[in-house]
């Protein structure tokens, strides 16, 4: 079998990185409802 190697340009890698970073920032500002619905763990 032959393997197919896909070329990924630097601009596409940068775009993907920026999207991941933006999603992480969004999650910090607007946490998903799953995280908000769990009760906080009390500190000992």
N, C-alpha and C. Protein backbone atom coordinates (compact mmCIF):
# COMPACT_ATOMS: atom_id res chain seq x y z
N UNK A 1 0.83 -1.19 0.00
CA UNK A 1 0.00 0.00 0.00
C UNK A 1 0.88 1.25 0.00
N UNK A 2 0.38 2.26 -0.62
CA UNK A 2 1.12 3.52 -0.64
C UNK A 2 0.50 4.50 0.34
N UNK A 3 1.33 5.34 0.90
CA UNK A 3 0.85 6.36 1.82
C UNK A 3 0.73 7.68 1.08
N UNK A 4 -0.30 8.43 1.40
CA UNK A 4 -0.50 9.73 0.81
C UNK A 4 -0.07 10.77 1.84
N UNK A 5 0.86 11.63 1.46
CA UNK A 5 1.33 12.68 2.33
C UNK A 5 0.72 13.98 1.84
N UNK A 6 0.00 14.66 2.74
CA UNK A 6 -0.68 15.90 2.36
C UNK A 6 0.20 17.09 2.74
N UNK A 7 0.42 17.99 1.81
CA UNK A 7 1.17 19.20 2.06
C UNK A 7 0.28 20.21 2.78
N UNK A 8 0.77 20.77 3.88
CA UNK A 8 0.03 21.78 4.63
C UNK A 8 0.88 23.04 4.63
N UNK A 9 0.32 24.10 4.09
CA UNK A 9 1.07 25.35 4.00
C UNK A 9 1.20 26.01 5.37
N UNK A 10 2.18 26.90 5.49
CA UNK A 10 2.38 27.62 6.74
C UNK A 10 1.15 28.45 7.09
N UNK A 11 0.52 29.05 6.09
CA UNK A 11 -0.65 29.88 6.37
C UNK A 11 -1.80 29.04 6.92
N UNK A 12 -1.94 27.82 6.42
CA UNK A 12 -3.01 26.95 6.92
C UNK A 12 -2.71 26.50 8.35
N UNK A 13 -1.45 26.22 8.65
CA UNK A 13 -1.08 25.85 10.01
C UNK A 13 -1.33 27.02 10.97
N UNK A 14 -0.98 28.23 10.53
CA UNK A 14 -1.19 29.42 11.35
C UNK A 14 -2.68 29.67 11.57
N UNK A 15 -3.47 29.48 10.54
CA UNK A 15 -4.93 29.66 10.65
C UNK A 15 -5.50 28.68 11.67
N UNK A 16 -5.09 27.42 11.60
CA UNK A 16 -5.57 26.41 12.55
C UNK A 16 -5.15 26.75 13.98
N UNK A 17 -3.93 27.25 14.15
CA UNK A 17 -3.45 27.63 15.47
C UNK A 17 -4.26 28.78 16.04
N UNK A 18 -4.54 29.77 15.20
CA UNK A 18 -5.32 30.92 15.65
C UNK A 18 -6.75 30.53 16.02
N UNK A 19 -7.32 29.61 15.26
CA UNK A 19 -8.68 29.13 15.57
C UNK A 19 -8.69 28.41 16.91
N UNK A 20 -7.70 27.55 17.15
CA UNK A 20 -7.62 26.85 18.44
C UNK A 20 -7.46 27.83 19.59
N UNK A 21 -6.61 28.83 19.39
CA UNK A 21 -6.38 29.83 20.43
C UNK A 21 -7.65 30.64 20.69
N UNK A 22 -8.36 31.01 19.65
CA UNK A 22 -9.60 31.78 19.81
C UNK A 22 -10.66 30.94 20.53
N UNK A 23 -10.77 29.67 20.21
CA UNK A 23 -11.74 28.81 20.89
C UNK A 23 -11.40 28.65 22.36
N UNK A 24 -10.11 28.54 22.68
CA UNK A 24 -9.70 28.43 24.08
C UNK A 24 -10.03 29.71 24.83
N UNK A 25 -9.79 30.86 24.21
CA UNK A 25 -10.12 32.14 24.84
C UNK A 25 -11.62 32.25 25.05
N UNK A 26 -12.40 31.84 24.08
CA UNK A 26 -13.86 31.90 24.19
C UNK A 26 -14.34 31.02 25.34
N UNK A 27 -13.76 29.83 25.48
CA UNK A 27 -14.14 28.92 26.56
C UNK A 27 -13.80 29.51 27.92
N UNK A 28 -12.71 30.28 28.00
CA UNK A 28 -12.36 30.92 29.27
C UNK A 28 -13.38 31.99 29.65
N UNK A 29 -13.84 32.74 28.66
CA UNK A 29 -14.79 33.82 28.91
C UNK A 29 -16.21 33.27 29.08
N UNK A 30 -16.59 32.34 28.23
CA UNK A 30 -17.93 31.76 28.26
C UNK A 30 -17.80 30.25 28.46
N UNK A 31 -17.64 29.79 29.70
CA UNK A 31 -17.47 28.34 29.91
C UNK A 31 -18.71 27.58 29.46
N UNK A 32 -18.49 26.37 29.01
CA UNK A 32 -19.61 25.55 28.53
C UNK A 32 -20.54 25.23 29.69
N UNK A 33 -21.78 24.93 29.38
CA UNK A 33 -22.79 24.67 30.41
C UNK A 33 -22.45 23.43 31.22
N UNK A 34 -21.72 22.49 30.63
CA UNK A 34 -21.34 21.28 31.35
C UNK A 34 -20.47 21.62 32.56
N UNK A 35 -19.52 22.52 32.36
CA UNK A 35 -18.64 22.91 33.45
C UNK A 35 -19.37 23.76 34.48
N UNK A 36 -20.28 24.60 34.03
CA UNK A 36 -21.01 25.50 34.94
C UNK A 36 -22.02 24.73 35.77
N UNK A 37 -22.53 23.60 35.29
CA UNK A 37 -23.56 22.87 36.01
C UNK A 37 -22.98 21.98 37.10
N UNK A 38 -21.68 21.71 37.07
CA UNK A 38 -21.09 20.87 38.10
C UNK A 38 -20.82 21.72 39.33
N UNK A 39 -21.14 21.19 40.52
CA UNK A 39 -20.90 21.97 41.74
C UNK A 39 -19.40 22.12 41.99
N UNK A 40 -18.98 23.25 42.57
CA UNK A 40 -17.57 23.45 42.83
C UNK A 40 -17.09 22.49 43.92
N UNK A 41 -15.84 22.10 43.83
CA UNK A 41 -15.24 21.20 44.81
C UNK A 41 -14.78 22.04 45.99
N UNK A 42 -15.26 21.72 47.19
CA UNK A 42 -14.85 22.51 48.36
C UNK A 42 -13.37 22.30 48.68
N UNK A 43 -12.71 23.38 49.08
CA UNK A 43 -11.29 23.29 49.46
C UNK A 43 -11.20 22.82 50.91
N UNK A 44 -10.17 22.06 51.18
CA UNK A 44 -9.99 21.53 52.55
C UNK A 44 -9.12 22.42 53.37
